[in-house]
Full PDB file with SEQRES, HELIX, SHEET, SSBOND, CRYST1, ORIGX, SCALE, CONECT and MASTER records, all heavy atoms in Angstrom:
SEQRES   1 A   32  ASN SER GLY VAL GLU ALA ALA ILE ASP LEU ALA GLY ILE          
SEQRES   2 A   32  VAL GLU HIS VAL THR LEU VAL GLU PHE ASP THR LYS LEU          
SEQRES   3 A   32  ARG ALA ASP GLN VAL LEU                                      
HELIX    1 AA1 SER A    2  ALA A   11  1                                  10    
CRYST1    1.000    1.000    1.000  90.00  90.00  90.00 P 1           1          
ORIGX1      1.000000  0.000000  0.000000        0.00000                         
ORIGX2      0.000000  1.000000  0.000000        0.00000                         
ORIGX3      0.000000  0.000000  1.000000        0.00000                         
SCALE1      1.000000  0.000000  0.000000        0.00000                         
SCALE2      0.000000  1.000000  0.000000        0.00000                         
SCALE3      0.000000  0.000000  1.000000        0.00000                         
ATOM      1  N   ASN A   1     120.067 122.856  25.290  1.00  0.00           N  
ATOM      2  CA  ASN A   1     121.112 122.046  25.800  1.00  0.00           C  
ATOM      3  C   ASN A   1     121.874 122.572  26.909  1.00  0.00           C  
ATOM      4  O   ASN A   1     122.264 121.982  27.916  1.00  0.00           O  
ATOM      5  CB  ASN A   1     122.142 121.629  24.705  1.00  0.00           C  
ATOM      6  CG  ASN A   1     121.668 120.461  23.845  1.00  0.00           C  
ATOM      7  OD1 ASN A   1     120.706 119.728  24.160  1.00  0.00           O  
ATOM      8  ND2 ASN A   1     122.279 120.280  22.716  1.00  0.00           N  
ATOM      9  N   SER A   2     122.184 123.896  26.867  1.00  0.00           N  
ATOM     10  CA  SER A   2     122.818 124.547  27.849  1.00  0.00           C  
ATOM     11  C   SER A   2     122.150 124.696  29.137  1.00  0.00           C  
ATOM     12  O   SER A   2     122.798 124.547  30.329  1.00  0.00           O  
ATOM     13  CB  SER A   2     123.327 126.046  27.375  1.00  0.00           C  
ATOM     14  OG  SER A   2     122.227 126.826  27.130  1.00  0.00           O  
ATOM     15  N   GLY A   3     120.838 124.900  29.043  1.00  0.00           N  
ATOM     16  CA  GLY A   3     119.981 124.950  30.210  1.00  0.00           C  
ATOM     17  C   GLY A   3     120.002 123.506  31.037  1.00  0.00           C  
ATOM     18  O   GLY A   3     120.118 123.622  32.289  1.00  0.00           O  
ATOM     19  N   VAL A   4     119.693 122.611  30.267  1.00  0.00           N  
ATOM     20  CA  VAL A   4     119.581 121.289  30.822  1.00  0.00           C  
ATOM     21  C   VAL A   4     120.850 120.697  31.411  1.00  0.00           C  
ATOM     22  O   VAL A   4     121.006 120.177  32.502  1.00  0.00           O  
ATOM     23  CB  VAL A   4     118.955 120.248  29.815  1.00  0.00           C  
ATOM     24  CG1 VAL A   4     119.054 118.807  30.444  1.00  0.00           C  
ATOM     25  CG2 VAL A   4     117.618 120.552  29.528  1.00  0.00           C  
ATOM     26  N   GLU A   5     121.985 121.067  30.617  1.00  0.00           N  
ATOM     27  CA  GLU A   5     123.358 120.645  31.135  1.00  0.00           C  
ATOM     28  C   GLU A   5     123.629 121.466  32.440  1.00  0.00           C  
ATOM     29  O   GLU A   5     124.143 120.868  33.427  1.00  0.00           O  
ATOM     30  CB  GLU A   5     124.449 121.038  30.153  1.00  0.00           C  
ATOM     31  CG  GLU A   5     124.496 119.989  28.925  1.00  0.00           C  
ATOM     32  CD  GLU A   5     125.485 120.395  27.823  1.00  0.00           C  
ATOM     33  OE1 GLU A   5     126.124 121.562  28.051  1.00  0.00           O  
ATOM     34  OE2 GLU A   5     125.730 119.563  26.950  1.00  0.00           O  
ATOM     35  N   ALA A   6     123.320 122.688  32.537  1.00  0.00           N  
ATOM     36  CA  ALA A   6     123.464 123.610  33.744  1.00  0.00           C  
ATOM     37  C   ALA A   6     122.771 122.955  34.857  1.00  0.00           C  
ATOM     38  O   ALA A   6     123.183 122.835  36.048  1.00  0.00           O  
ATOM     39  CB  ALA A   6     123.055 125.022  33.477  1.00  0.00           C  
ATOM     40  N   ALA A   7     121.464 122.538  34.629  1.00  0.00           N  
ATOM     41  CA  ALA A   7     120.667 121.913  35.668  1.00  0.00           C  
ATOM     42  C   ALA A   7     121.208 120.625  36.223  1.00  0.00           C  
ATOM     43  O   ALA A   7     121.212 120.458  37.394  1.00  0.00           O  
ATOM     44  CB  ALA A   7     119.167 121.753  35.106  1.00  0.00           C  
ATOM     45  N   ILE A   8     121.716 119.812  35.265  1.00  0.00           N  
ATOM     46  CA  ILE A   8     122.341 118.575  35.657  1.00  0.00           C  
ATOM     47  C   ILE A   8     123.646 118.829  36.476  1.00  0.00           C  
ATOM     48  O   ILE A   8     123.881 118.225  37.576  1.00  0.00           O  
ATOM     49  CB  ILE A   8     122.702 117.681  34.392  1.00  0.00           C  
ATOM     50  CG1 ILE A   8     121.483 117.244  33.748  1.00  0.00           C  
ATOM     51  CG2 ILE A   8     123.603 116.460  34.796  1.00  0.00           C  
ATOM     52  CD1 ILE A   8     121.732 116.660  32.314  1.00  0.00           C  
ATOM     53  N   ASP A   9     124.362 119.818  36.106  1.00  0.00           N  
ATOM     54  CA  ASP A   9     125.570 120.069  36.742  1.00  0.00           C  
ATOM     55  C   ASP A   9     125.288 120.658  38.302  1.00  0.00           C  
ATOM     56  O   ASP A   9     125.879 120.230  39.331  1.00  0.00           O  
ATOM     57  CB  ASP A   9     126.578 121.075  36.045  1.00  0.00           C  
ATOM     58  CG  ASP A   9     127.096 120.490  34.806  1.00  0.00           C  
ATOM     59  OD1 ASP A   9     127.157 119.101  34.731  1.00  0.00           O  
ATOM     60  OD2 ASP A   9     127.644 121.236  33.948  1.00  0.00           O  
ATOM     61  N   LEU A  10     124.369 121.522  38.253  1.00  0.00           N  
ATOM     62  CA  LEU A  10     123.966 122.223  39.508  1.00  0.00           C  
ATOM     63  C   LEU A  10     123.260 121.276  40.439  1.00  0.00           C  
ATOM     64  O   LEU A  10     123.483 121.387  41.741  1.00  0.00           O  
ATOM     65  CB  LEU A  10     123.044 123.348  39.237  1.00  0.00           C  
ATOM     66  CG  LEU A  10     123.612 124.644  38.587  1.00  0.00           C  
ATOM     67  CD1 LEU A  10     122.631 125.600  38.004  1.00  0.00           C  
ATOM     68  CD2 LEU A  10     124.537 125.371  39.543  1.00  0.00           C  
ATOM     69  N   ALA A  11     122.590 120.249  39.988  1.00  0.00           N  
ATOM     70  CA  ALA A  11     121.858 119.308  40.769  1.00  0.00           C  
ATOM     71  C   ALA A  11     123.008 118.546  41.670  1.00  0.00           C  
ATOM     72  O   ALA A  11     122.626 118.057  42.844  1.00  0.00           O  
ATOM     73  CB  ALA A  11     121.241 118.361  40.107  1.00  0.00           C  
ATOM     74  N   GLY A  12     124.180 118.415  41.267  1.00  0.00           N  
ATOM     75  CA  GLY A  12     125.297 117.757  42.160  1.00  0.00           C  
ATOM     76  C   GLY A  12     125.822 118.717  43.174  1.00  0.00           C  
ATOM     77  O   GLY A  12     126.614 118.219  44.044  1.00  0.00           O  
ATOM     78  N   ILE A  13     125.412 119.902  43.168  1.00  0.00           N  
ATOM     79  CA  ILE A  13     125.956 120.972  44.123  1.00  0.00           C  
ATOM     80  C   ILE A  13     124.921 121.495  45.082  1.00  0.00           C  
ATOM     81  O   ILE A  13     125.228 121.504  46.202  1.00  0.00           O  
ATOM     82  CB  ILE A  13     126.657 122.206  43.432  1.00  0.00           C  
ATOM     83  CG1 ILE A  13     127.677 121.636  42.402  1.00  0.00           C  
ATOM     84  CG2 ILE A  13     127.185 123.077  44.315  1.00  0.00           C  
ATOM     85  CD1 ILE A  13     128.195 122.777  41.620  1.00  0.00           C  
ATOM     86  N   VAL A  14     123.765 121.885  44.491  1.00  0.00           N  
ATOM     87  CA  VAL A  14     122.749 122.671  45.226  1.00  0.00           C  
ATOM     88  C   VAL A  14     121.745 121.645  45.877  1.00  0.00           C  
ATOM     89  O   VAL A  14     121.722 120.496  45.563  1.00  0.00           O  
ATOM     90  CB  VAL A  14     122.068 123.674  44.382  1.00  0.00           C  
ATOM     91  CG1 VAL A  14     123.033 124.523  43.759  1.00  0.00           C  
ATOM     92  CG2 VAL A  14     121.232 122.902  43.271  1.00  0.00           C  
ATOM     93  N   GLU A  15     120.875 122.105  46.647  1.00  0.00           N  
ATOM     94  CA  GLU A  15     119.802 121.364  47.403  1.00  0.00           C  
ATOM     95  C   GLU A  15     118.829 120.909  46.412  1.00  0.00           C  
ATOM     96  O   GLU A  15     118.338 119.794  46.243  1.00  0.00           O  
ATOM     97  CB  GLU A  15     119.058 122.189  48.388  1.00  0.00           C  
ATOM     98  CG  GLU A  15     117.950 121.232  49.156  1.00  0.00           C  
ATOM     99  CD  GLU A  15     117.170 122.153  50.008  1.00  0.00           C  
ATOM    100  OE1 GLU A  15     117.683 123.180  50.665  1.00  0.00           O  
ATOM    101  OE2 GLU A  15     116.046 121.771  50.286  1.00  0.00           O  
ATOM    102  N   HIS A  16     118.333 121.937  45.400  1.00  0.00           N  
ATOM    103  CA  HIS A  16     117.206 121.527  44.488  1.00  0.00           C  
ATOM    104  C   HIS A  16     117.315 122.472  43.367  1.00  0.00           C  
ATOM    105  O   HIS A  16     117.708 123.668  43.545  1.00  0.00           O  
ATOM    106  CB  HIS A  16     115.873 121.755  45.097  1.00  0.00           C  
ATOM    107  CG  HIS A  16     114.717 121.239  44.258  1.00  0.00           C  
ATOM    108  ND1 HIS A  16     114.217 122.019  43.283  1.00  0.00           N  
ATOM    109  CD2 HIS A  16     114.139 120.033  44.162  1.00  0.00           C  
ATOM    110  CE1 HIS A  16     113.147 121.378  42.722  1.00  0.00           C  
ATOM    111  NE2 HIS A  16     113.221 120.109  43.162  1.00  0.00           N  
ATOM    112  N   VAL A  17     117.123 121.924  42.092  1.00  0.00           N  
ATOM    113  CA  VAL A  17     117.087 122.911  40.929  1.00  0.00           C  
ATOM    114  C   VAL A  17     115.692 122.728  40.334  1.00  0.00           C  
ATOM    115  O   VAL A  17     115.187 121.614  40.085  1.00  0.00           O  
ATOM    116  CB  VAL A  17     118.166 122.223  39.861  1.00  0.00           C  
ATOM    117  CG1 VAL A  17     117.934 123.159  38.508  1.00  0.00           C  
ATOM    118  CG2 VAL A  17     119.526 122.288  40.397  1.00  0.00           C  
ATOM    119  N   THR A  18     115.108 123.925  39.977  1.00  0.00           N  
ATOM    120  CA  THR A  18     113.796 124.009  39.178  1.00  0.00           C  
ATOM    121  C   THR A  18     114.211 124.500  37.852  1.00  0.00           C  
ATOM    122  O   THR A  18     114.781 125.757  37.650  1.00  0.00           O  
ATOM    123  CB  THR A  18     112.861 124.987  39.910  1.00  0.00           C  
ATOM    124  OG1 THR A  18     112.579 124.502  41.156  1.00  0.00           O  
ATOM    125  CG2 THR A  18     111.552 124.979  39.052  1.00  0.00           C  
ATOM    126  N   LEU A  19     113.876 123.826  36.764  1.00  0.00           N  
ATOM    127  CA  LEU A  19     114.147 124.367  35.427  1.00  0.00           C  
ATOM    128  C   LEU A  19     112.941 124.823  34.859  1.00  0.00           C  
ATOM    129  O   LEU A  19     111.823 124.169  34.925  1.00  0.00           O  
ATOM    130  CB  LEU A  19     114.740 123.057  34.519  1.00  0.00           C  
ATOM    131  CG  LEU A  19     115.044 123.493  33.160  1.00  0.00           C  
ATOM    132  CD1 LEU A  19     116.451 122.773  32.704  1.00  0.00           C  
ATOM    133  CD2 LEU A  19     114.057 123.501  32.032  1.00  0.00           C  
ATOM    134  N   VAL A  20     113.051 126.087  34.394  1.00  0.00           N  
ATOM    135  CA  VAL A  20     111.854 126.785  33.775  1.00  0.00           C  
ATOM    136  C   VAL A  20     111.990 127.033  32.321  1.00  0.00           C  
ATOM    137  O   VAL A  20     112.991 127.535  31.812  1.00  0.00           O  
ATOM    138  CB  VAL A  20     111.665 128.219  34.587  1.00  0.00           C  
ATOM    139  CG1 VAL A  20     110.335 128.851  33.971  1.00  0.00           C  
ATOM    140  CG2 VAL A  20     111.611 128.005  36.025  1.00  0.00           C  
ATOM    141  N   GLU A  21     111.140 126.437  31.589  1.00  0.00           N  
ATOM    142  CA  GLU A  21     111.038 126.505  30.094  1.00  0.00           C  
ATOM    143  C   GLU A  21     109.812 127.247  29.532  1.00  0.00           C  
ATOM    144  O   GLU A  21     108.801 126.873  30.107  1.00  0.00           O  
ATOM    145  CB  GLU A  21     111.200 125.152  29.443  1.00  0.00           C  
ATOM    146  CG  GLU A  21     110.965 124.981  28.003  1.00  0.00           C  
ATOM    147  CD  GLU A  21     111.887 125.933  27.178  1.00  0.00           C  
ATOM    148  OE1 GLU A  21     112.950 126.042  27.476  1.00  0.00           O  
ATOM    149  OE2 GLU A  21     111.275 126.415  26.183  1.00  0.00           O  
ATOM    150  N   PHE A  22     109.966 128.187  28.608  1.00  0.00           N  
ATOM    151  CA  PHE A  22     108.911 128.971  28.100  1.00  0.00           C  
ATOM    152  C   PHE A  22     108.022 128.097  27.259  1.00  0.00           C  
ATOM    153  O   PHE A  22     106.815 128.193  27.031  1.00  0.00           O  
ATOM    154  CB  PHE A  22     109.479 130.009  27.218  1.00  0.00           C  
ATOM    155  CG  PHE A  22     108.576 130.972  26.572  1.00  0.00           C  
ATOM    156  CD1 PHE A  22     107.863 132.017  27.232  1.00  0.00           C  
ATOM    157  CD2 PHE A  22     108.153 130.783  25.137  1.00  0.00           C  
ATOM    158  CE1 PHE A  22     106.991 132.870  26.520  1.00  0.00           C  
ATOM    159  CE2 PHE A  22     107.300 131.572  24.635  1.00  0.00           C  
ATOM    160  CZ  PHE A  22     106.674 132.637  25.368  1.00  0.00           C  
ATOM    161  N   ASP A  23     108.674 127.114  26.420  1.00  0.00           N  
ATOM    162  CA  ASP A  23     107.833 126.214  25.473  1.00  0.00           C  
ATOM    163  C   ASP A  23     107.158 125.112  26.219  1.00  0.00           C  
ATOM    164  O   ASP A  23     107.482 124.932  27.396  1.00  0.00           O  
ATOM    165  CB  ASP A  23     108.930 125.750  24.500  1.00  0.00           C  
ATOM    166  CG  ASP A  23     108.248 125.319  23.170  1.00  0.00           C  
ATOM    167  OD1 ASP A  23     107.108 125.289  23.012  1.00  0.00           O  
ATOM    168  OD2 ASP A  23     109.042 125.054  22.141  1.00  0.00           O  
ATOM    169  N   THR A  24     106.414 124.351  25.464  1.00  0.00           N  
ATOM    170  CA  THR A  24     105.710 123.236  26.092  1.00  0.00           C  
ATOM    171  C   THR A  24     106.629 121.979  26.087  1.00  0.00           C  
ATOM    172  O   THR A  24     106.092 120.947  26.528  1.00  0.00           O  
ATOM    173  CB  THR A  24     104.397 123.002  25.261  1.00  0.00           C  
ATOM    174  OG1 THR A  24     104.773 122.846  23.855  1.00  0.00           O  
ATOM    175  CG2 THR A  24     103.484 124.104  25.427  1.00  0.00           C  
ATOM    176  N   LYS A  25     107.821 122.075  25.656  1.00  0.00           N  
ATOM    177  CA  LYS A  25     108.726 120.987  25.611  1.00  0.00           C  
ATOM    178  C   LYS A  25     110.064 121.316  25.687  1.00  0.00           C  
ATOM    179  O   LYS A  25     110.311 122.474  25.359  1.00  0.00           O  
ATOM    180  CB  LYS A  25     108.514 120.106  24.435  1.00  0.00           C  
ATOM    181  CG  LYS A  25     108.753 120.702  23.032  1.00  0.00           C  
ATOM    182  CD  LYS A  25     108.650 119.938  21.855  1.00  0.00           C  
ATOM    183  CE  LYS A  25     108.899 120.572  20.621  1.00  0.00           C  
ATOM    184  NZ  LYS A  25     108.243 121.744  20.209  1.00  0.00           N  
ATOM    185  N   LEU A  26     110.920 120.464  26.219  1.00  0.00           N  
ATOM    186  CA  LEU A  26     112.444 120.903  26.221  1.00  0.00           C  
ATOM    187  C   LEU A  26     113.006 120.779  24.911  1.00  0.00           C  
ATOM    188  O   LEU A  26     112.602 119.814  24.056  1.00  0.00           O  
ATOM    189  CB  LEU A  26     113.130 119.880  27.300  1.00  0.00           C  
ATOM    190  CG  LEU A  26     112.693 120.140  28.747  1.00  0.00           C  
ATOM    191  CD1 LEU A  26     113.476 119.005  29.608  1.00  0.00           C  
ATOM    192  CD2 LEU A  26     112.736 121.543  29.318  1.00  0.00           C  
ATOM    193  N   ARG A  27     114.002 121.519  24.580  1.00  0.00           N  
ATOM    194  CA  ARG A  27     114.671 121.421  23.185  1.00  0.00           C  
ATOM    195  C   ARG A  27     116.059 120.673  23.375  1.00  0.00           C  
ATOM    196  O   ARG A  27     116.622 120.424  22.296  1.00  0.00           O  
ATOM    197  CB  ARG A  27     114.724 122.838  22.655  1.00  0.00           C  
ATOM    198  CG  ARG A  27     113.545 123.394  22.258  1.00  0.00           C  
ATOM    199  CD  ARG A  27     113.661 124.919  22.070  1.00  0.00           C  
ATOM    200  NE  ARG A  27     113.783 125.622  23.402  1.00  0.00           N  
ATOM    201  CZ  ARG A  27     114.799 126.257  23.765  1.00  0.00           C  
ATOM    202  NH1 ARG A  27     115.944 126.227  23.222  1.00  0.00           N  
ATOM    203  NH2 ARG A  27     114.845 126.887  24.927  1.00  0.00           N  
ATOM    204  N   ALA A  28     116.363 120.255  24.558  1.00  0.00           N  
ATOM    205  CA  ALA A  28     117.620 119.713  24.698  1.00  0.00           C  
ATOM    206  C   ALA A  28     117.678 118.323  24.191  1.00  0.00           C  
ATOM    207  O   ALA A  28     116.632 117.591  23.938  1.00  0.00           O  
ATOM    208  CB  ALA A  28     117.972 119.536  26.314  1.00  0.00           C  
ATOM    209  N   ASP A  29     118.889 117.750  23.867  1.00  0.00           N  
ATOM    210  CA  ASP A  29     119.060 116.388  23.444  1.00  0.00           C  
ATOM    211  C   ASP A  29     118.463 115.328  24.410  1.00  0.00           C  
ATOM    212  O   ASP A  29     118.437 115.554  25.554  1.00  0.00           O  
ATOM    213  CB  ASP A  29     120.462 115.982  23.197  1.00  0.00           C  
ATOM    214  CG  ASP A  29     121.063 116.853  22.083  1.00  0.00           C  
ATOM    215  OD1 ASP A  29     120.495 117.347  21.299  1.00  0.00           O  
ATOM    216  OD2 ASP A  29     122.489 116.910  22.157  1.00  0.00           O  
ATOM    217  N   GLN A  30     117.783 114.369  23.835  1.00  0.00           N  
ATOM    218  CA  GLN A  30     117.024 113.467  24.553  1.00  0.00           C  
ATOM    219  C   GLN A  30     117.941 112.767  25.763  1.00  0.00           C  
ATOM    220  O   GLN A  30     117.428 112.557  26.862  1.00  0.00           O  
ATOM    221  CB  GLN A  30     116.411 112.205  23.703  1.00  0.00           C  
ATOM    222  CG  GLN A  30     115.400 111.466  24.459  1.00  0.00           C  
ATOM    223  CD  GLN A  30     114.249 112.288  25.006  1.00  0.00           C  
ATOM    224  OE1 GLN A  30     113.606 113.134  24.269  1.00  0.00           O  
ATOM    225  NE2 GLN A  30     113.771 112.047  26.295  1.00  0.00           N  
ATOM    226  N   VAL A  31     119.161 112.541  25.296  1.00  0.00           N  
ATOM    227  CA  VAL A  31     120.054 111.905  26.377  1.00  0.00           C  
ATOM    228  C   VAL A  31     120.227 112.752  27.724  1.00  0.00           C  
ATOM    229  O   VAL A  31     120.293 112.357  28.753  1.00  0.00           O  
ATOM    230  CB  VAL A  31     121.334 111.521  25.726  1.00  0.00           C  
ATOM    231  CG1 VAL A  31     122.174 112.712  25.262  1.00  0.00           C  
ATOM    232  CG2 VAL A  31     122.233 110.626  26.796  1.00  0.00           C  
ATOM    233  N   LEU A  32     120.187 114.161  27.277  1.00  0.00           N  
ATOM    234  CA  LEU A  32     120.305 115.019  28.501  1.00  0.00           C  
ATOM    235  C   LEU A  32     118.943 115.076  29.233  1.00  0.00           C  
ATOM    236  O   LEU A  32     119.056 115.251  30.424  1.00  0.00           O  
ATOM    237  CB  LEU A  32     120.651 116.447  27.940  1.00  0.00           C  
ATOM    238  CG  LEU A  32     122.182 116.537  27.382  1.00  0.00           C  
ATOM    239  CD1 LEU A  32     122.347 117.951  26.672  1.00  0.00           C  
ATOM    240  CD2 LEU A  32     123.095 116.427  28.355  1.00  0.00           C  
TER     241      LEU A  32                                                      
MASTER        0    0    0    1    0    0    0    6  240    1    0    3          
END                                                                             
């Protein structure tokens, strides 16, 4: 959740966000 929320917030500021996850799926809530 914290990683995906950070990516969402940063996307409104920066040019581009790349989210890097160790697992084969994201663990954040589906709505995020």
